[in-house]
């Protein structure tokens, strides 16, 4: 079974906004995921789920980076609590 953008939006309703997540962006990440997870024998019945999870991951990162850039921040920077810190050499 092939994953479509409509299937993805149904399974992940948090990505339903075509303004925030345009069709072209979904198609780009779907094509990327299909290439990344090309081995049908390895993924078997889980390949479609894997494709959708790769899409969701990259779309969420892209939206976060766009919001950071729009607010004058630095896209791709680490967010959240600091897990560890070192000082000195």
C-alpha atoms as a PDB file:
ATOM      1  CA  UNK A   1       0.000   0.000   0.000  1.00  0.00           C
ATOM      2  CA  UNK A   2       1.266   3.463  -0.837  1.00  0.00           C
ATOM      3  CA  UNK A   3       0.961   6.395   1.536  1.00  0.00           C
ATOM      4  CA  UNK A   4      -0.834   9.479   0.223  1.00  0.00           C
ATOM      5  CA  UNK A   5      -0.821  12.985   1.644  1.00  0.00           C
ATOM      6  CA  UNK A   6      -4.535  12.592   2.420  1.00  0.00           C
ATOM      7  CA  UNK A   7      -3.842   9.372   4.365  1.00  0.00           C
ATOM      8  CA  UNK A   8      -1.107  11.150   6.297  1.00  0.00           C
ATOM      9  CA  UNK A   9      -3.368  14.082   7.202  1.00  0.00           C
ATOM     10  CA  UNK A  10      -6.087  11.636   8.330  1.00  0.00           C
ATOM     11  CA  UNK A  11      -3.703   9.617  10.496  1.00  0.00           C
ATOM     12  CA  UNK A  12      -1.943  12.698  11.886  1.00  0.00           C
ATOM     13  CA  UNK A  13      -4.648  15.386  12.222  1.00  0.00           C
ATOM     14  CA  UNK A  14      -2.203  17.790  13.864  1.00  0.00           C
ATOM     15  CA  UNK A  15      -0.778  18.282  10.340  1.00  0.00           C
ATOM     16  CA  UNK A  16      -4.187  19.052   8.765  1.00  0.00           C
ATOM     17  CA  UNK A  17      -3.465  22.745   8.125  1.00  0.00           C
ATOM     18  CA  UNK A  18      -2.629  23.226   4.459  1.00  0.00           C
ATOM     19  CA  UNK A  19      -1.329  26.700   5.316  1.00  0.00           C
ATOM     20  CA  UNK A  20       1.243  25.505   7.838  1.00  0.00           C
ATOM     21  CA  UNK A  21       1.901  22.227   6.010  1.00  0.00           C
ATOM     22  CA  UNK A  22       1.378  22.750   2.245  1.00  0.00           C
ATOM     23  CA  UNK A  23       0.938  19.780  -0.083  1.00  0.00           C
ATOM     24  CA  UNK A  24       4.337  20.386  -1.701  1.00  0.00           C
ATOM     25  CA  UNK A  25       6.073  20.088   1.666  1.00  0.00           C
ATOM     26  CA  UNK A  26       4.230  16.837   2.451  1.00  0.00           C
ATOM     27  CA  UNK A  27       5.118  15.457  -0.967  1.00  0.00           C
ATOM     28  CA  UNK A  28       8.787  16.365  -0.484  1.00  0.00           C
ATOM     29  CA  UNK A  29       9.040  14.612   2.882  1.00  0.00           C
ATOM     30  CA  UNK A  30       6.973  11.621   1.683  1.00  0.00           C
ATOM     31  CA  UNK A  31       9.317  11.126  -1.274  1.00  0.00           C
ATOM     32  CA  UNK A  32      12.308  11.469   1.043  1.00  0.00           C
ATOM     33  CA  UNK A  33      10.857   8.896   3.463  1.00  0.00           C
ATOM     34  CA  UNK A  34      10.008   6.449   0.669  1.00  0.00           C
ATOM     35  CA  UNK A  35      13.606   6.659  -0.546  1.00  0.00           C
ATOM     36  CA  UNK A  36      14.992   6.324   2.971  1.00  0.00           C
ATOM     37  CA  UNK A  37      12.822   3.290   3.750  1.00  0.00           C
ATOM     38  CA  UNK A  38      13.164   1.659   0.326  1.00  0.00           C
ATOM     39  CA  UNK A  39      13.716  -1.914   1.585  1.00  0.00           C
ATOM     40  CA  UNK A  40      10.203  -3.412   1.617  1.00  0.00           C
ATOM     41  CA  UNK A  41      11.559  -6.761   2.847  1.00  0.00           C
ATOM     42  CA  UNK A  42      13.083  -5.174   5.936  1.00  0.00           C
ATOM     43  CA  UNK A  43      10.083  -2.983   6.817  1.00  0.00           C
ATOM     44  CA  UNK A  44       7.328  -5.417   5.731  1.00  0.00           C
ATOM     45  CA  UNK A  45       3.919  -4.258   7.024  1.00  0.00           C
ATOM     46  CA  UNK A  46       5.467  -1.386   8.994  1.00  0.00           C
ATOM     47  CA  UNK A  47       6.838   0.537   6.001  1.00  0.00           C
ATOM     48  CA  UNK A  48       3.783   2.798   5.615  1.00  0.00           C
ATOM     49  CA  UNK A  49       3.883   3.630   9.330  1.00  0.00           C
ATOM     50  CA  UNK A  50       7.605   4.356   9.099  1.00  0.00           C
ATOM     51  CA  UNK A  51       7.083   6.655   6.112  1.00  0.00           C
ATOM     52  CA  UNK A  52       4.407   8.606   7.977  1.00  0.00           C
ATOM     53  CA  UNK A  53       6.545   8.888  11.110  1.00  0.00           C
ATOM     54  CA  UNK A  54       9.516  10.212   9.096  1.00  0.00           C
ATOM     55  CA  UNK A  55       7.161  12.721   7.474  1.00  0.00           C
ATOM     56  CA  UNK A  56       5.729  13.837  10.826  1.00  0.00           C
ATOM     57  CA  UNK A  57       9.182  14.204  12.385  1.00  0.00           C
ATOM     58  CA  UNK A  58      10.574  16.348   9.577  1.00  0.00           C
ATOM     59  CA  UNK A  59       7.421  18.442   9.204  1.00  0.00           C
ATOM     60  CA  UNK A  60       7.424  19.200  12.941  1.00  0.00           C
ATOM     61  CA  UNK A  61      11.090  20.230  12.819  1.00  0.00           C
ATOM     62  CA  UNK A  62      10.491  22.391   9.738  1.00  0.00           C
ATOM     63  CA  UNK A  63       7.533  24.159  11.380  1.00  0.00           C
ATOM     64  CA  UNK A  64       9.536  24.780  14.564  1.00  0.00           C
ATOM     65  CA  UNK A  65      12.458  26.163  12.556  1.00  0.00           C
ATOM     66  CA  UNK A  66      10.154  28.409  10.516  1.00  0.00           C
ATOM     67  CA  UNK A  67       8.580  29.773  13.704  1.00  0.00           C
ATOM     68  CA  UNK A  68      12.022  30.423  15.210  1.00  0.00           C
ATOM     69  CA  UNK A  69      13.207  32.218  12.077  1.00  0.00           C
ATOM     70  CA  UNK A  70      10.005  34.275  11.932  1.00  0.00           C
ATOM     71  CA  UNK A  71      10.550  35.429  15.510  1.00  0.00           C
ATOM     72  CA  UNK A  72      14.139  36.450  14.832  1.00  0.00           C
ATOM     73  CA  UNK A  73      15.573  33.300  16.374  1.00  0.00           C
ATOM     74  CA  UNK A  74      18.065  30.839  15.025  1.00  0.00           C
ATOM     75  CA  UNK A  75      16.520  27.908  13.110  1.00  0.00           C
ATOM     76  CA  UNK A  76      17.842  24.513  14.123  1.00  0.00           C
ATOM     77  CA  UNK A  77      18.987  25.562  17.565  1.00  0.00           C
ATOM     78  CA  UNK A  78      18.452  23.227  20.502  1.00  0.00           C
ATOM     79  CA  UNK A  79      15.387  24.006  22.585  1.00  0.00           C
ATOM     80  CA  UNK A  80      14.313  22.807  25.988  1.00  0.00           C
ATOM     81  CA  UNK A  81      16.068  22.093  29.260  1.00  0.00           C
ATOM     82  CA  UNK A  82      19.818  21.595  29.357  1.00  0.00           C
ATOM     83  CA  UNK A  83      20.584  17.961  30.168  1.00  0.00           C
ATOM     84  CA  UNK A  84      24.254  18.498  31.001  1.00  0.00           C
ATOM     85  CA  UNK A  85      26.872  21.187  31.019  1.00  0.00           C
ATOM     86  CA  UNK A  86      30.652  21.127  31.136  1.00  0.00           C
ATOM     87  CA  UNK A  87      33.028  23.906  32.057  1.00  0.00           C
ATOM     88  CA  UNK A  88      36.679  24.192  31.115  1.00  0.00           C
ATOM     89  CA  UNK A  89      38.919  21.812  29.227  1.00  0.00           C
END
